[in-house]
Every structure is written in structure tokens, then in C-alpha cells.
Amino acid sequence: MSQLIPFPAPLLPDLGEMGRTELLEFLHSTREQLAWLDEREPPDMDSEVYQTWGDRHEELEDLADEIMDRLEELEEQ
């Protein structure tokens, strides 16, 4: 049986206050977290464990998108 993976609530920085280098580092870290989660995908898609895993995975994907959007904004300035 799969176990719940504990996911602490992340303390997110203000993306609007971050510079390009900080954003790139944060994006890299976010992608590493996604890769780590991908390696631990629960096998039972109907389980509570999978739901928790999927929610966290989606949050990280959304965060990566937000970081990319902010990087694009900085490029336009």
C-alpha cells in the first residue's frame, strides 16, 4: 500500500520582487521538485495518496508557469 508523502506548505517569495537570476534559480529548483515527484508517482490513480501527489504536482507546474510568465515580463521591459 502506498504512503502519503508529506508536503510542507511552501513559503513562496514574491515573484515580482525577484530579479532574473533569482527567478531562474527558483525555476530550476521548482523543476527539480517536479522531477523528484515524478519519480515517486503513486501507482493507484484512484487512491488518496495519488490525489495528494497530483495536487502538489499541479501546484508546482502552476508555479513554474508563473515563474516563466514573470521571466517573459522582464524580457519585455
C-alpha atoms as a PDB file:
ATOM      1  CA  MET A   1       0.000   0.000   0.000  1.00  0.00           C
ATOM      2  CA  SER A   2       1.264   3.473  -0.810  1.00  0.00           C
ATOM      3  CA  GLN A   3       2.018   6.009   1.859  1.00  0.00           C
ATOM      4  CA  LEU A   4       1.175   9.665   1.852  1.00  0.00           C
ATOM      5  CA  ILE A   5       4.199  11.777   1.030  1.00  0.00           C
ATOM      6  CA  PRO A   6       4.382  14.721   3.437  1.00  0.00           C
ATOM      7  CA  PHE A   7       4.425  18.015   1.572  1.00  0.00           C
ATOM      8  CA  PRO A   8       5.140  21.036   3.724  1.00  0.00           C
ATOM      9  CA  ALA A   9       3.362  24.210   2.766  1.00  0.00           C
ATOM     10  CA  PRO A  10       5.872  26.164   0.698  1.00  0.00           C
ATOM     11  CA  LEU A  11       6.858  29.679   1.613  1.00  0.00           C
ATOM     12  CA  LEU A  12       6.692  31.388  -1.734  1.00  0.00           C
ATOM     13  CA  PRO A  13       8.688  34.501  -2.462  1.00  0.00           C
ATOM     14  CA  ASP A  14       7.163  37.477  -4.223  1.00  0.00           C
ATOM     15  CA  LEU A  15       7.989  36.791  -7.864  1.00  0.00           C
ATOM     16  CA  GLY A  16       7.551  40.465  -8.681  1.00  0.00           C
ATOM     17  CA  GLU A  17      10.409  41.347  -6.357  1.00  0.00           C
ATOM     18  CA  MET A  18      12.825  38.794  -7.795  1.00  0.00           C
ATOM     19  CA  GLY A  19      15.420  39.516 -10.443  1.00  0.00           C
ATOM     20  CA  ARG A  20      16.143  37.388 -13.479  1.00  0.00           C
ATOM     21  CA  THR A  21      18.893  35.343 -11.815  1.00  0.00           C
ATOM     22  CA  GLU A  22      16.756  34.631  -8.752  1.00  0.00           C
ATOM     23  CA  LEU A  23      13.825  33.629 -10.949  1.00  0.00           C
ATOM     24  CA  LEU A  24      15.976  31.266 -12.997  1.00  0.00           C
ATOM     25  CA  GLU A  25      17.308  29.643  -9.816  1.00  0.00           C
ATOM     26  CA  PHE A  26      13.786  29.338  -8.427  1.00  0.00           C
ATOM     27  CA  LEU A  27      12.563  27.835 -11.704  1.00  0.00           C
ATOM     28  CA  HIS A  28      15.397  25.308 -11.605  1.00  0.00           C
ATOM     29  CA  SER A  29      14.518  24.382  -8.013  1.00  0.00           C
ATOM     30  CA  THR A  30      10.832  24.049  -8.903  1.00  0.00           C
ATOM     31  CA  ARG A  31      11.648  21.784 -11.832  1.00  0.00           C
ATOM     32  CA  GLU A  32      13.863  19.641  -9.589  1.00  0.00           C
ATOM     33  CA  GLN A  33      10.942  19.243  -7.182  1.00  0.00           C
ATOM     34  CA  LEU A  34       8.715  18.198 -10.091  1.00  0.00           C
ATOM     35  CA  ALA A  35      11.284  15.625 -11.209  1.00  0.00           C
ATOM     36  CA  TRP A  36      11.511  14.293  -7.656  1.00  0.00           C
ATOM     37  CA  LEU A  37       7.729  13.935  -7.527  1.00  0.00           C
ATOM     38  CA  ASP A  38       7.631  12.300 -10.957  1.00  0.00           C
ATOM     39  CA  GLU A  39       9.960   9.593  -9.654  1.00  0.00           C
ATOM     40  CA  ARG A  40       7.536   8.904  -6.823  1.00  0.00           C
ATOM     41  CA  GLU A  41       4.232   8.844  -8.683  1.00  0.00           C
ATOM     42  CA  PRO A  42       1.870   6.528  -6.806  1.00  0.00           C
ATOM     43  CA  PRO A  43       0.676   3.547  -8.842  1.00  0.00           C
ATOM     44  CA  ASP A  44      -3.011   3.664  -7.830  1.00  0.00           C
ATOM     45  CA  MET A  45      -4.616   6.608  -9.603  1.00  0.00           C
ATOM     46  CA  ASP A  46      -7.805   6.166  -7.559  1.00  0.00           C
ATOM     47  CA  SER A  47      -6.119   6.480  -4.177  1.00  0.00           C
ATOM     48  CA  GLU A  48      -5.993   9.388  -1.736  1.00  0.00           C
ATOM     49  CA  VAL A  49      -2.213   9.215  -1.980  1.00  0.00           C
ATOM     50  CA  TYR A  50      -2.386   9.791  -5.724  1.00  0.00           C
ATOM     51  CA  GLN A  51      -4.799  12.691  -5.262  1.00  0.00           C
ATOM     52  CA  THR A  52      -2.436  14.363  -2.785  1.00  0.00           C
ATOM     53  CA  TRP A  53       0.513  13.720  -5.092  1.00  0.00           C
ATOM     54  CA  GLY A  54      -1.401  15.102  -8.074  1.00  0.00           C
ATOM     55  CA  ASP A  55      -2.459  18.245  -6.229  1.00  0.00           C
ATOM     56  CA  ARG A  56       1.137  19.022  -5.254  1.00  0.00           C
ATOM     57  CA  HIS A  57       2.384  18.245  -8.758  1.00  0.00           C
ATOM     58  CA  GLU A  58      -0.183  20.616 -10.231  1.00  0.00           C
ATOM     59  CA  GLU A  59       0.783  23.355  -7.755  1.00  0.00           C
ATOM     60  CA  LEU A  60       4.416  23.050  -8.802  1.00  0.00           C
ATOM     61  CA  GLU A  61       3.520  23.091 -12.506  1.00  0.00           C
ATOM     62  CA  ASP A  62       1.448  26.240 -11.938  1.00  0.00           C
ATOM     63  CA  LEU A  63       4.339  27.819 -10.033  1.00  0.00           C
ATOM     64  CA  ALA A  64       6.764  27.012 -12.864  1.00  0.00           C
ATOM     65  CA  ASP A  65       4.325  28.662 -15.298  1.00  0.00           C
ATOM     66  CA  GLU A  66       4.112  31.766 -13.097  1.00  0.00           C
ATOM     67  CA  ILE A  67       7.908  31.991 -12.942  1.00  0.00           C
ATOM     68  CA  MET A  68       8.131  31.669 -16.734  1.00  0.00           C
ATOM     69  CA  ASP A  69       5.491  34.396 -17.133  1.00  0.00           C
ATOM     70  CA  ARG A  70       7.480  36.699 -14.856  1.00  0.00           C
ATOM     71  CA  LEU A  71      10.679  35.998 -16.796  1.00  0.00           C
ATOM     72  CA  GLU A  72       8.849  36.906 -20.015  1.00  0.00           C
ATOM     73  CA  GLU A  73       7.662  40.165 -18.409  1.00  0.00           C
ATOM     74  CA  LEU A  74      11.240  41.037 -17.519  1.00  0.00           C
ATOM     75  CA  GLU A  75      12.370  40.329 -21.093  1.00  0.00           C
ATOM     76  CA  GLU A  76       9.765  42.781 -22.404  1.00  0.00           C
ATOM     77  CA  GLN A  77      10.993  45.614 -20.189  1.00  0.00           C
END
